ModelCIF file with pLDDT and N, C-alpha, C, O atoms, coordinates in Angstrom:
data_MODEL
#
_entry.id   MODEL 
#
_entity.id                         1 
_entity.type                       polymer 
_entity.pdbx_number_of_molecules   1 
#
_entity_poly.entity_id                      1 
_entity_poly.type                           'polypeptide(L)' 
_entity_poly.nstd_linkage                   no 
_entity_poly.nstd_monomer                   no 
_entity_poly.pdbx_seq_one_letter_code       
;(UNK)(UNK)(UNK)(UNK)(UNK)(UNK)(UNK)(UNK)(UNK)(UNK)(UNK)(UNK)(UNK)(UNK)(UNK)(UNK)
(UNK)(UNK)(UNK)(UNK)(UNK)(UNK)(UNK)(UNK)(UNK)(UNK)(UNK)(UNK)(UNK)(UNK)(UNK)(UNK)
(UNK)(UNK)(UNK)(UNK)(UNK)(UNK)(UNK)(UNK)(UNK)(UNK)(UNK)(UNK)(UNK)(UNK)(UNK)
;
_entity_poly.pdbx_seq_one_letter_code_can   XXXXXXXXXXXXXXXXXXXXXXXXXXXXXXXXXXXXXXXXXXXXXXX 
_entity_poly.pdbx_strand_id                 A 
#
loop_
_entity_poly_seq.entity_id 
_entity_poly_seq.num 
_entity_poly_seq.mon_id 
_entity_poly_seq.hetero 
1 1  UNK n 
1 2  UNK n 
1 3  UNK n 
1 4  UNK n 
1 5  UNK n 
1 6  UNK n 
1 7  UNK n 
1 8  UNK n 
1 9  UNK n 
1 10 UNK n 
1 11 UNK n 
1 12 UNK n 
1 13 UNK n 
1 14 UNK n 
1 15 UNK n 
1 16 UNK n 
1 17 UNK n 
1 18 UNK n 
1 19 UNK n 
1 20 UNK n 
1 21 UNK n 
1 22 UNK n 
1 23 UNK n 
1 24 UNK n 
1 25 UNK n 
1 26 UNK n 
1 27 UNK n 
1 28 UNK n 
1 29 UNK n 
1 30 UNK n 
1 31 UNK n 
1 32 UNK n 
1 33 UNK n 
1 34 UNK n 
1 35 UNK n 
1 36 UNK n 
1 37 UNK n 
1 38 UNK n 
1 39 UNK n 
1 40 UNK n 
1 41 UNK n 
1 42 UNK n 
1 43 UNK n 
1 44 UNK n 
1 45 UNK n 
1 46 UNK n 
1 47 UNK n 
#
_struct_asym.id          A 
_struct_asym.entity_id   1 
#
loop_
_ma_qa_metric.id 
_ma_qa_metric.mode 
_ma_qa_metric.name 
_ma_qa_metric.software_group_id 
_ma_qa_metric.type 
1 global pLDDT . pLDDT 
2 local  pLDDT . pLDDT 
#
_ma_qa_metric_global.metric_id      1 
_ma_qa_metric_global.metric_value   89.09 
_ma_qa_metric_global.model_id       1 
_ma_qa_metric_global.ordinal_id     1 
#
loop_
_ma_qa_metric_local.label_asym_id 
_ma_qa_metric_local.label_comp_id 
_ma_qa_metric_local.label_seq_id 
_ma_qa_metric_local.metric_id 
_ma_qa_metric_local.metric_value 
_ma_qa_metric_local.model_id 
_ma_qa_metric_local.ordinal_id 
A UNK 1  2 88.00 1 1  
A UNK 2  2 92.00 1 2  
A UNK 3  2 93.00 1 3  
A UNK 4  2 94.00 1 4  
A UNK 5  2 95.00 1 5  
A UNK 6  2 96.00 1 6  
A UNK 7  2 96.00 1 7  
A UNK 8  2 96.00 1 8  
A UNK 9  2 96.00 1 9  
A UNK 10 2 97.00 1 10 
A UNK 11 2 97.00 1 11 
A UNK 12 2 96.00 1 12 
A UNK 13 2 96.00 1 13 
A UNK 14 2 97.00 1 14 
A UNK 15 2 96.00 1 15 
A UNK 16 2 95.00 1 16 
A UNK 17 2 95.00 1 17 
A UNK 18 2 95.00 1 18 
A UNK 19 2 93.00 1 19 
A UNK 20 2 92.00 1 20 
A UNK 21 2 88.00 1 21 
A UNK 22 2 81.00 1 22 
A UNK 23 2 79.00 1 23 
A UNK 24 2 84.00 1 24 
A UNK 25 2 90.00 1 25 
A UNK 26 2 93.00 1 26 
A UNK 27 2 95.00 1 27 
A UNK 28 2 95.00 1 28 
A UNK 29 2 95.00 1 29 
A UNK 30 2 94.00 1 30 
A UNK 31 2 96.00 1 31 
A UNK 32 2 96.00 1 32 
A UNK 33 2 94.00 1 33 
A UNK 34 2 92.00 1 34 
A UNK 35 2 94.00 1 35 
A UNK 36 2 94.00 1 36 
A UNK 37 2 90.00 1 37 
A UNK 38 2 89.00 1 38 
A UNK 39 2 90.00 1 39 
A UNK 40 2 87.00 1 40 
A UNK 41 2 82.00 1 41 
A UNK 42 2 81.00 1 42 
A UNK 43 2 79.00 1 43 
A UNK 44 2 71.00 1 44 
A UNK 45 2 64.00 1 45 
A UNK 46 2 51.00 1 46 
A UNK 47 2 48.00 1 47 
#
loop_
_atom_site.group_PDB 
_atom_site.id 
_atom_site.type_symbol 
_atom_site.label_atom_id 
_atom_site.label_alt_id 
_atom_site.label_comp_id 
_atom_site.label_asym_id 
_atom_site.label_entity_id 
_atom_site.label_seq_id 
_atom_site.pdbx_PDB_ins_code 
_atom_site.Cartn_x 
_atom_site.Cartn_y 
_atom_site.Cartn_z 
_atom_site.occupancy 
_atom_site.B_iso_or_equiv 
_atom_site.pdbx_formal_charge 
_atom_site.auth_seq_id 
_atom_site.auth_comp_id 
_atom_site.auth_asym_id 
_atom_site.auth_atom_id 
_atom_site.pdbx_PDB_model_num 
ATOM 1   N N  . UNK A 1 1  ? 44.639 78.186 77.166 1.00 88.00 ? 1  UNK A N  1 
ATOM 2   C CA . UNK A 1 1  ? 45.122 77.322 76.087 1.00 88.00 ? 1  UNK A CA 1 
ATOM 3   C C  . UNK A 1 1  ? 46.639 77.089 76.167 1.00 88.00 ? 1  UNK A C  1 
ATOM 4   O O  . UNK A 1 1  ? 47.092 75.946 76.106 1.00 88.00 ? 1  UNK A O  1 
ATOM 5   N N  . UNK A 1 2  ? 47.421 78.165 76.303 1.00 92.00 ? 2  UNK A N  1 
ATOM 6   C CA . UNK A 1 2  ? 48.877 78.018 76.362 1.00 92.00 ? 2  UNK A CA 1 
ATOM 7   C C  . UNK A 1 2  ? 49.303 77.188 77.563 1.00 92.00 ? 2  UNK A C  1 
ATOM 8   O O  . UNK A 1 2  ? 50.208 76.360 77.465 1.00 92.00 ? 2  UNK A O  1 
ATOM 9   N N  . UNK A 1 3  ? 48.651 77.412 78.692 1.00 93.00 ? 3  UNK A N  1 
ATOM 10  C CA . UNK A 1 3  ? 48.982 76.663 79.909 1.00 93.00 ? 3  UNK A CA 1 
ATOM 11  C C  . UNK A 1 3  ? 48.563 75.204 79.792 1.00 93.00 ? 3  UNK A C  1 
ATOM 12  O O  . UNK A 1 3  ? 49.247 74.316 80.301 1.00 93.00 ? 3  UNK A O  1 
ATOM 13  N N  . UNK A 1 4  ? 47.452 74.956 79.129 1.00 94.00 ? 4  UNK A N  1 
ATOM 14  C CA . UNK A 1 4  ? 46.999 73.575 78.935 1.00 94.00 ? 4  UNK A CA 1 
ATOM 15  C C  . UNK A 1 4  ? 47.982 72.803 78.062 1.00 94.00 ? 4  UNK A C  1 
ATOM 16  O O  . UNK A 1 4  ? 48.310 71.652 78.351 1.00 94.00 ? 4  UNK A O  1 
ATOM 17  N N  . UNK A 1 5  ? 48.445 73.444 76.996 1.00 95.00 ? 5  UNK A N  1 
ATOM 18  C CA . UNK A 1 5  ? 49.393 72.779 76.098 1.00 95.00 ? 5  UNK A CA 1 
ATOM 19  C C  . UNK A 1 5  ? 50.712 72.496 76.809 1.00 95.00 ? 5  UNK A C  1 
ATOM 20  O O  . UNK A 1 5  ? 51.300 71.429 76.634 1.00 95.00 ? 5  UNK A O  1 
ATOM 21  N N  . UNK A 1 6  ? 51.178 73.454 77.612 1.00 96.00 ? 6  UNK A N  1 
ATOM 22  C CA . UNK A 1 6  ? 52.412 73.242 78.361 1.00 96.00 ? 6  UNK A CA 1 
ATOM 23  C C  . UNK A 1 6  ? 52.236 72.128 79.392 1.00 96.00 ? 6  UNK A C  1 
ATOM 24  O O  . UNK A 1 6  ? 53.144 71.323 79.599 1.00 96.00 ? 6  UNK A O  1 
ATOM 25  N N  . UNK A 1 7  ? 51.078 72.082 80.034 1.00 96.00 ? 7  UNK A N  1 
ATOM 26  C CA . UNK A 1 7  ? 50.812 71.036 81.024 1.00 96.00 ? 7  UNK A CA 1 
ATOM 27  C C  . UNK A 1 7  ? 50.796 69.655 80.374 1.00 96.00 ? 7  UNK A C  1 
ATOM 28  O O  . UNK A 1 7  ? 51.259 68.682 80.969 1.00 96.00 ? 7  UNK A O  1 
ATOM 29  N N  . UNK A 1 8  ? 50.262 69.567 79.154 1.00 96.00 ? 8  UNK A N  1 
ATOM 30  C CA . UNK A 1 8  ? 50.245 68.284 78.443 1.00 96.00 ? 8  UNK A CA 1 
ATOM 31  C C  . UNK A 1 8  ? 51.663 67.819 78.129 1.00 96.00 ? 8  UNK A C  1 
ATOM 32  O O  . UNK A 1 8  ? 51.972 66.633 78.240 1.00 96.00 ? 8  UNK A O  1 
ATOM 33  N N  . UNK A 1 9  ? 52.524 68.759 77.736 1.00 96.00 ? 9  UNK A N  1 
ATOM 34  C CA . UNK A 1 9  ? 53.939 68.429 77.482 1.00 96.00 ? 9  UNK A CA 1 
ATOM 35  C C  . UNK A 1 9  ? 54.618 67.991 78.770 1.00 96.00 ? 9  UNK A C  1 
ATOM 36  O O  . UNK A 1 9  ? 55.336 66.991 78.792 1.00 96.00 ? 9  UNK A O  1 
ATOM 37  N N  . UNK A 1 10 ? 54.390 68.744 79.847 1.00 97.00 ? 10 UNK A N  1 
ATOM 38  C CA . UNK A 1 10 ? 54.990 68.401 81.138 1.00 97.00 ? 10 UNK A CA 1 
ATOM 39  C C  . UNK A 1 10 ? 54.512 67.034 81.624 1.00 97.00 ? 10 UNK A C  1 
ATOM 40  O O  . UNK A 1 10 ? 55.287 66.275 82.207 1.00 97.00 ? 10 UNK A O  1 
ATOM 41  N N  . UNK A 1 11 ? 53.244 66.722 81.386 1.00 97.00 ? 11 UNK A N  1 
ATOM 42  C CA . UNK A 1 11 ? 52.698 65.423 81.792 1.00 97.00 ? 11 UNK A CA 1 
ATOM 43  C C  . UNK A 1 11 ? 53.402 64.285 81.059 1.00 97.00 ? 11 UNK A C  1 
ATOM 44  O O  . UNK A 1 11 ? 53.686 63.245 81.653 1.00 97.00 ? 11 UNK A O  1 
ATOM 45  N N  . UNK A 1 12 ? 53.684 64.481 79.769 1.00 96.00 ? 12 UNK A N  1 
ATOM 46  C CA . UNK A 1 12 ? 54.404 63.459 79.004 1.00 96.00 ? 12 UNK A CA 1 
ATOM 47  C C  . UNK A 1 12 ? 55.808 63.230 79.574 1.00 96.00 ? 12 UNK A C  1 
ATOM 48  O O  . UNK A 1 12 ? 56.275 62.096 79.672 1.00 96.00 ? 12 UNK A O  1 
ATOM 49  N N  . UNK A 1 13 ? 56.463 64.320 79.946 1.00 96.00 ? 13 UNK A N  1 
ATOM 50  C CA . UNK A 1 13 ? 57.820 64.220 80.504 1.00 96.00 ? 13 UNK A CA 1 
ATOM 51  C C  . UNK A 1 13 ? 57.793 63.494 81.844 1.00 96.00 ? 13 UNK A C  1 
ATOM 52  O O  . UNK A 1 13 ? 58.614 62.613 82.098 1.00 96.00 ? 13 UNK A O  1 
ATOM 53  N N  . UNK A 1 14 ? 56.850 63.867 82.692 1.00 97.00 ? 14 UNK A N  1 
ATOM 54  C CA . UNK A 1 14 ? 56.734 63.222 84.006 1.00 97.00 ? 14 UNK A CA 1 
ATOM 55  C C  . UNK A 1 14 ? 56.414 61.733 83.842 1.00 97.00 ? 14 UNK A C  1 
ATOM 56  O O  . UNK A 1 14 ? 56.956 60.908 84.577 1.00 97.00 ? 14 UNK A O  1 
ATOM 57  N N  . UNK A 1 15 ? 55.545 61.376 82.893 1.00 96.00 ? 15 UNK A N  1 
ATOM 58  C CA . UNK A 1 15 ? 55.209 59.973 82.652 1.00 96.00 ? 15 UNK A CA 1 
ATOM 59  C C  . UNK A 1 15 ? 56.459 59.189 82.255 1.00 96.00 ? 15 UNK A C  1 
ATOM 60  O O  . UNK A 1 15 ? 56.661 58.057 82.695 1.00 96.00 ? 15 UNK A O  1 
ATOM 61  N N  . UNK A 1 16 ? 57.291 59.802 81.419 1.00 95.00 ? 16 UNK A N  1 
ATOM 62  C CA . UNK A 1 16 ? 58.523 59.142 80.996 1.00 95.00 ? 16 UNK A CA 1 
ATOM 63  C C  . UNK A 1 16 ? 59.485 58.981 82.181 1.00 95.00 ? 16 UNK A C  1 
ATOM 64  O O  . UNK A 1 16 ? 60.152 57.955 82.312 1.00 95.00 ? 16 UNK A O  1 
ATOM 65  N N  . UNK A 1 17 ? 59.548 60.002 83.040 1.00 95.00 ? 17 UNK A N  1 
ATOM 66  C CA . UNK A 1 17 ? 60.414 59.927 84.214 1.00 95.00 ? 17 UNK A CA 1 
ATOM 67  C C  . UNK A 1 17 ? 59.938 58.856 85.190 1.00 95.00 ? 17 UNK A C  1 
ATOM 68  O O  . UNK A 1 17 ? 60.748 58.159 85.800 1.00 95.00 ? 17 UNK A O  1 
ATOM 69  N N  . UNK A 1 18 ? 58.619 58.730 85.334 1.00 95.00 ? 18 UNK A N  1 
ATOM 70  C CA . UNK A 1 18 ? 58.063 57.670 86.195 1.00 95.00 ? 18 UNK A CA 1 
ATOM 71  C C  . UNK A 1 18 ? 58.437 56.301 85.641 1.00 95.00 ? 18 UNK A C  1 
ATOM 72  O O  . UNK A 1 18 ? 58.824 55.403 86.388 1.00 95.00 ? 18 UNK A O  1 
ATOM 73  N N  . UNK A 1 19 ? 58.317 56.154 84.335 1.00 93.00 ? 19 UNK A N  1 
ATOM 74  C CA . UNK A 1 19 ? 58.634 54.873 83.700 1.00 93.00 ? 19 UNK A CA 1 
ATOM 75  C C  . UNK A 1 19 ? 60.097 54.505 83.884 1.00 93.00 ? 19 UNK A C  1 
ATOM 76  O O  . UNK A 1 19 ? 60.426 53.334 84.073 1.00 93.00 ? 19 UNK A O  1 
ATOM 77  N N  . UNK A 1 20 ? 60.975 55.498 83.829 1.00 92.00 ? 20 UNK A N  1 
ATOM 78  C CA . UNK A 1 20 ? 62.414 55.262 83.963 1.00 92.00 ? 20 UNK A CA 1 
ATOM 79  C C  . UNK A 1 20 ? 62.840 55.102 85.418 1.00 92.00 ? 20 UNK A C  1 
ATOM 80  O O  . UNK A 1 20 ? 64.000 54.803 85.699 1.00 92.00 ? 20 UNK A O  1 
ATOM 81  N N  . UNK A 1 21 ? 61.893 55.305 86.352 1.00 88.00 ? 21 UNK A N  1 
ATOM 82  C CA . UNK A 1 21 ? 62.201 55.138 87.758 1.00 88.00 ? 21 UNK A CA 1 
ATOM 83  C C  . UNK A 1 21 ? 62.959 56.297 88.373 1.00 88.00 ? 21 UNK A C  1 
ATOM 84  O O  . UNK A 1 21 ? 63.672 56.126 89.361 1.00 88.00 ? 21 UNK A O  1 
ATOM 85  N N  . UNK A 1 22 ? 62.805 57.485 87.786 1.00 81.00 ? 22 UNK A N  1 
ATOM 86  C CA . UNK A 1 22 ? 63.480 58.668 88.322 1.00 81.00 ? 22 UNK A CA 1 
ATOM 87  C C  . UNK A 1 22 ? 62.938 58.991 89.709 1.00 81.00 ? 22 UNK A C  1 
ATOM 88  O O  . UNK A 1 22 ? 61.727 58.990 89.927 1.00 81.00 ? 22 UNK A O  1 
ATOM 89  N N  . UNK A 1 23 ? 63.828 59.263 90.629 1.00 79.00 ? 23 UNK A N  1 
ATOM 90  C CA . UNK A 1 23 ? 63.391 59.567 91.995 1.00 79.00 ? 23 UNK A CA 1 
ATOM 91  C C  . UNK A 1 23 ? 62.712 60.912 92.102 1.00 79.00 ? 23 UNK A C  1 
ATOM 92  O O  . UNK A 1 23 ? 61.815 61.096 92.925 1.00 79.00 ? 23 UNK A O  1 
ATOM 93  N N  . UNK A 1 24 ? 63.133 61.856 91.274 1.00 84.00 ? 24 UNK A N  1 
ATOM 94  C CA . UNK A 1 24 ? 62.582 63.214 91.303 1.00 84.00 ? 24 UNK A CA 1 
ATOM 95  C C  . UNK A 1 24 ? 62.101 63.573 89.904 1.00 84.00 ? 24 UNK A C  1 
ATOM 96  O O  . UNK A 1 24 ? 62.825 63.381 88.927 1.00 84.00 ? 24 UNK A O  1 
ATOM 97  N N  . UNK A 1 25 ? 60.896 64.088 89.807 1.00 90.00 ? 25 UNK A N  1 
ATOM 98  C CA . UNK A 1 25 ? 60.337 64.506 88.512 1.00 90.00 ? 25 UNK A CA 1 
ATOM 99  C C  . UNK A 1 25 ? 60.671 65.966 88.241 1.00 90.00 ? 25 UNK A C  1 
ATOM 100 O O  . UNK A 1 25 ? 60.964 66.727 89.163 1.00 90.00 ? 25 UNK A O  1 
ATOM 101 N N  . UNK A 1 26 ? 60.626 66.350 86.969 1.00 93.00 ? 26 UNK A N  1 
ATOM 102 C CA . UNK A 1 26 ? 60.939 67.727 86.573 1.00 93.00 ? 26 UNK A CA 1 
ATOM 103 C C  . UNK A 1 26 ? 59.916 68.716 87.116 1.00 93.00 ? 26 UNK A C  1 
ATOM 104 O O  . UNK A 1 26 ? 60.220 69.898 87.271 1.00 93.00 ? 26 UNK A O  1 
ATOM 105 N N  . UNK A 1 27 ? 58.704 68.243 87.408 1.00 95.00 ? 27 UNK A N  1 
ATOM 106 C CA . UNK A 1 27 ? 57.675 69.066 88.048 1.00 95.00 ? 27 UNK A CA 1 
ATOM 107 C C  . UNK A 1 27 ? 57.412 68.479 89.427 1.00 95.00 ? 27 UNK A C  1 
ATOM 108 O O  . UNK A 1 27 ? 57.065 67.304 89.548 1.00 95.00 ? 27 UNK A O  1 
ATOM 109 N N  . UNK A 1 28 ? 57.573 69.284 90.456 1.00 95.00 ? 28 UNK A N  1 
ATOM 110 C CA . UNK A 1 28 ? 57.376 68.780 91.818 1.00 95.00 ? 28 UNK A CA 1 
ATOM 111 C C  . UNK A 1 28 ? 55.888 68.665 92.144 1.00 95.00 ? 28 UNK A C  1 
ATOM 112 O O  . UNK A 1 28 ? 55.039 69.247 91.469 1.00 95.00 ? 28 UNK A O  1 
ATOM 113 N N  . UNK A 1 29 ? 55.599 67.913 93.178 1.00 95.00 ? 29 UNK A N  1 
ATOM 114 C CA . UNK A 1 29 ? 54.227 67.746 93.649 1.00 95.00 ? 29 UNK A CA 1 
ATOM 115 C C  . UNK A 1 29 ? 53.626 69.107 94.019 1.00 95.00 ? 29 UNK A C  1 
ATOM 116 O O  . UNK A 1 29 ? 52.487 69.403 93.660 1.00 95.00 ? 29 UNK A O  1 
ATOM 117 N N  . UNK A 1 30 ? 54.391 69.926 94.733 1.00 94.00 ? 30 UNK A N  1 
ATOM 118 C CA . UNK A 1 30 ? 53.900 71.238 95.171 1.00 94.00 ? 30 UNK A CA 1 
ATOM 119 C C  . UNK A 1 30 ? 53.632 72.159 93.993 1.00 94.00 ? 30 UNK A C  1 
ATOM 120 O O  . UNK A 1 30 ? 52.633 72.879 93.975 1.00 94.00 ? 30 UNK A O  1 
ATOM 121 N N  . UNK A 1 31 ? 54.533 72.137 93.000 1.00 96.00 ? 31 UNK A N  1 
ATOM 122 C CA . UNK A 1 31 ? 54.329 72.985 91.823 1.00 96.00 ? 31 UNK A CA 1 
ATOM 123 C C  . UNK A 1 31 ? 53.077 72.555 91.069 1.00 96.00 ? 31 UNK A C  1 
ATOM 124 O O  . UNK A 1 31 ? 52.280 73.393 90.645 1.00 96.00 ? 31 UNK A O  1 
ATOM 125 N N  . UNK A 1 32 ? 52.909 71.247 90.903 1.00 96.00 ? 32 UNK A N  1 
ATOM 126 C CA . UNK A 1 32 ? 51.721 70.738 90.203 1.00 96.00 ? 32 UNK A CA 1 
ATOM 127 C C  . UNK A 1 32 ? 50.453 71.112 90.956 1.00 96.00 ? 32 UNK A C  1 
ATOM 128 O O  . UNK A 1 32 ? 49.441 71.452 90.343 1.00 96.00 ? 32 UNK A O  1 
ATOM 129 N N  . UNK A 1 33 ? 50.506 71.051 92.276 1.00 94.00 ? 33 UNK A N  1 
ATOM 130 C CA . UNK A 1 33 ? 49.338 71.406 93.092 1.00 94.00 ? 33 UNK A CA 1 
ATOM 131 C C  . UNK A 1 33 ? 48.979 72.877 92.910 1.00 94.00 ? 33 UNK A C  1 
ATOM 132 O O  . UNK A 1 33 ? 47.805 73.215 92.756 1.00 94.00 ? 33 UNK A O  1 
ATOM 133 N N  . UNK A 1 34 ? 49.975 73.747 92.927 1.00 92.00 ? 34 UNK A N  1 
ATOM 134 C CA . UNK A 1 34 ? 49.716 75.181 92.752 1.00 92.00 ? 34 UNK A CA 1 
ATOM 135 C C  . UNK A 1 34 ? 49.171 75.471 91.361 1.00 92.00 ? 34 UNK A C  1 
ATOM 136 O O  . UNK A 1 34 ? 48.247 76.270 91.210 1.00 92.00 ? 34 UNK A O  1 
ATOM 137 N N  . UNK A 1 35 ? 49.730 74.835 90.357 1.00 94.00 ? 35 UNK A N  1 
ATOM 138 C CA . UNK A 1 35 ? 49.262 75.055 88.985 1.00 94.00 ? 35 UNK A CA 1 
ATOM 139 C C  . UNK A 1 35 ? 47.828 74.551 88.812 1.00 94.00 ? 35 UNK A C  1 
ATOM 140 O O  . UNK A 1 35 ? 47.008 75.206 88.169 1.00 94.00 ? 35 UNK A O  1 
ATOM 141 N N  . UNK A 1 36 ? 47.531 73.390 89.386 1.00 94.00 ? 36 UNK A N  1 
ATOM 142 C CA . UNK A 1 36 ? 46.168 72.840 89.272 1.00 94.00 ? 36 UNK A CA 1 
ATOM 143 C C  . UNK A 1 36 ? 45.172 73.703 90.035 1.00 94.00 ? 36 UNK A C  1 
ATOM 144 O O  . UNK A 1 36 ? 44.048 73.913 89.578 1.00 94.00 ? 36 UNK A O  1 
ATOM 145 N N  . UNK A 1 37 ? 45.583 74.202 91.195 1.00 90.00 ? 37 UNK A N  1 
ATOM 146 C CA . UNK A 1 37 ? 44.703 75.075 91.985 1.00 90.00 ? 37 UNK A CA 1 
ATOM 147 C C  . UNK A 1 37 ? 44.389 76.355 91.220 1.00 90.00 ? 37 UNK A C  1 
ATOM 148 O O  . UNK A 1 37 ? 43.247 76.813 91.186 1.00 90.00 ? 37 UNK A O  1 
ATOM 149 N N  . UNK A 1 38 ? 45.420 76.918 90.609 1.00 89.00 ? 38 UNK A N  1 
ATOM 150 C CA . UNK A 1 38 ? 45.231 78.155 89.832 1.00 89.00 ? 38 UNK A CA 1 
ATOM 151 C C  . UNK A 1 38 ? 44.320 77.913 88.631 1.00 89.00 ? 38 UNK A C  1 
ATOM 152 O O  . UNK A 1 38 ? 43.444 78.726 88.337 1.00 89.00 ? 38 UNK A O  1 
ATOM 153 N N  . UNK A 1 39 ? 44.531 76.784 87.935 1.00 90.00 ? 39 UNK A N  1 
ATOM 154 C CA . UNK A 1 39 ? 43.719 76.479 86.756 1.00 90.00 ? 39 UNK A CA 1 
ATOM 155 C C  . UNK A 1 39 ? 42.254 76.269 87.139 1.00 90.00 ? 39 UNK A C  1 
ATOM 156 O O  . UNK A 1 39 ? 41.355 76.781 86.472 1.00 90.00 ? 39 UNK A O  1 
ATOM 157 N N  . UNK A 1 40 ? 42.019 75.518 88.208 1.00 87.00 ? 40 UNK A N  1 
ATOM 158 C CA . UNK A 1 40 ? 40.645 75.277 88.655 1.00 87.00 ? 40 UNK A CA 1 
ATOM 159 C C  . UNK A 1 40 ? 40.001 76.556 89.168 1.00 87.00 ? 40 UNK A C  1 
ATOM 160 O O  . UNK A 1 40 ? 38.816 76.799 88.939 1.00 87.00 ? 40 UNK A O  1 
ATOM 161 N N  . UNK A 1 41 ? 40.782 77.367 89.857 1.00 82.00 ? 41 UNK A N  1 
ATOM 162 C CA . UNK A 1 41 ? 40.257 78.643 90.360 1.00 82.00 ? 41 UNK A CA 1 
ATOM 163 C C  . UNK A 1 41 ? 39.794 79.526 89.214 1.00 82.00 ? 41 UNK A C  1 
ATOM 164 O O  . UNK A 1 41 ? 38.709 80.104 89.263 1.00 82.00 ? 41 UNK A O  1 
ATOM 165 N N  . UNK A 1 42 ? 40.629 79.626 88.177 1.00 81.00 ? 42 UNK A N  1 
ATOM 166 C CA . UNK A 1 42 ? 40.292 80.443 87.016 1.00 81.00 ? 42 UNK A CA 1 
ATOM 167 C C  . UNK A 1 42 ? 39.029 79.929 86.323 1.00 81.00 ? 42 UNK A C  1 
ATOM 168 O O  . UNK A 1 42 ? 38.184 80.714 85.891 1.00 81.00 ? 42 UNK A O  1 
ATOM 169 N N  . UNK A 1 43 ? 38.911 78.602 86.222 1.00 79.00 ? 43 UNK A N  1 
ATOM 170 C CA . UNK A 1 43 ? 37.763 78.013 85.522 1.00 79.00 ? 43 UNK A CA 1 
ATOM 171 C C  . UNK A 1 43 ? 36.483 78.065 86.340 1.00 79.00 ? 43 UNK A C  1 
ATOM 172 O O  . UNK A 1 43 ? 35.387 78.113 85.780 1.00 79.00 ? 43 UNK A O  1 
ATOM 173 N N  . UNK A 1 44 ? 36.618 78.057 87.683 1.00 71.00 ? 44 UNK A N  1 
ATOM 174 C CA . UNK A 1 44 ? 35.440 77.911 88.539 1.00 71.00 ? 44 UNK A CA 1 
ATOM 175 C C  . UNK A 1 44 ? 35.031 79.183 89.274 1.00 71.00 ? 44 UNK A C  1 
ATOM 176 O O  . UNK A 1 44 ? 34.006 79.192 89.955 1.00 71.00 ? 44 UNK A O  1 
ATOM 177 N N  . UNK A 1 45 ? 35.820 80.268 89.148 1.00 64.00 ? 45 UNK A N  1 
ATOM 178 C CA . UNK A 1 45 ? 35.598 81.451 89.990 1.00 64.00 ? 45 UNK A CA 1 
ATOM 179 C C  . UNK A 1 45 ? 34.186 81.998 89.921 1.00 64.00 ? 45 UNK A C  1 
ATOM 180 O O  . UNK A 1 45 ? 33.518 82.103 90.950 1.00 64.00 ? 45 UNK A O  1 
ATOM 181 N N  . UNK A 1 46 ? 33.715 82.350 88.730 1.00 51.00 ? 46 UNK A N  1 
ATOM 182 C CA . UNK A 1 46 ? 32.390 82.953 88.625 1.00 51.00 ? 46 UNK A CA 1 
ATOM 183 C C  . UNK A 1 46 ? 31.306 81.967 89.038 1.00 51.00 ? 46 UNK A C  1 
ATOM 184 O O  . UNK A 1 46 ? 30.310 82.344 89.657 1.00 51.00 ? 46 UNK A O  1 
ATOM 185 N N  . UNK A 1 47 ? 31.514 80.685 88.685 1.00 48.00 ? 47 UNK A N  1 
ATOM 186 C CA . UNK A 1 47 ? 30.538 79.681 89.086 1.00 48.00 ? 47 UNK A CA 1 
ATOM 187 C C  . UNK A 1 47 ? 30.413 79.583 90.590 1.00 48.00 ? 47 UNK A C  1 
ATOM 188 O O  . UNK A 1 47 ? 29.628 78.779 91.093 1.00 48.00 ? 47 UNK A O  1 
#
């Protein structure tokens, strides 16, 4: 839950940065990939 809420906030920030044409986002591609991998791993492990 805490990680989901933080991810939603981070997504809003990244969306705003994309709209403003920022070359670099506050969350990098690699960081987002690691966070998504961890979240999916946690949700799918037993399955």
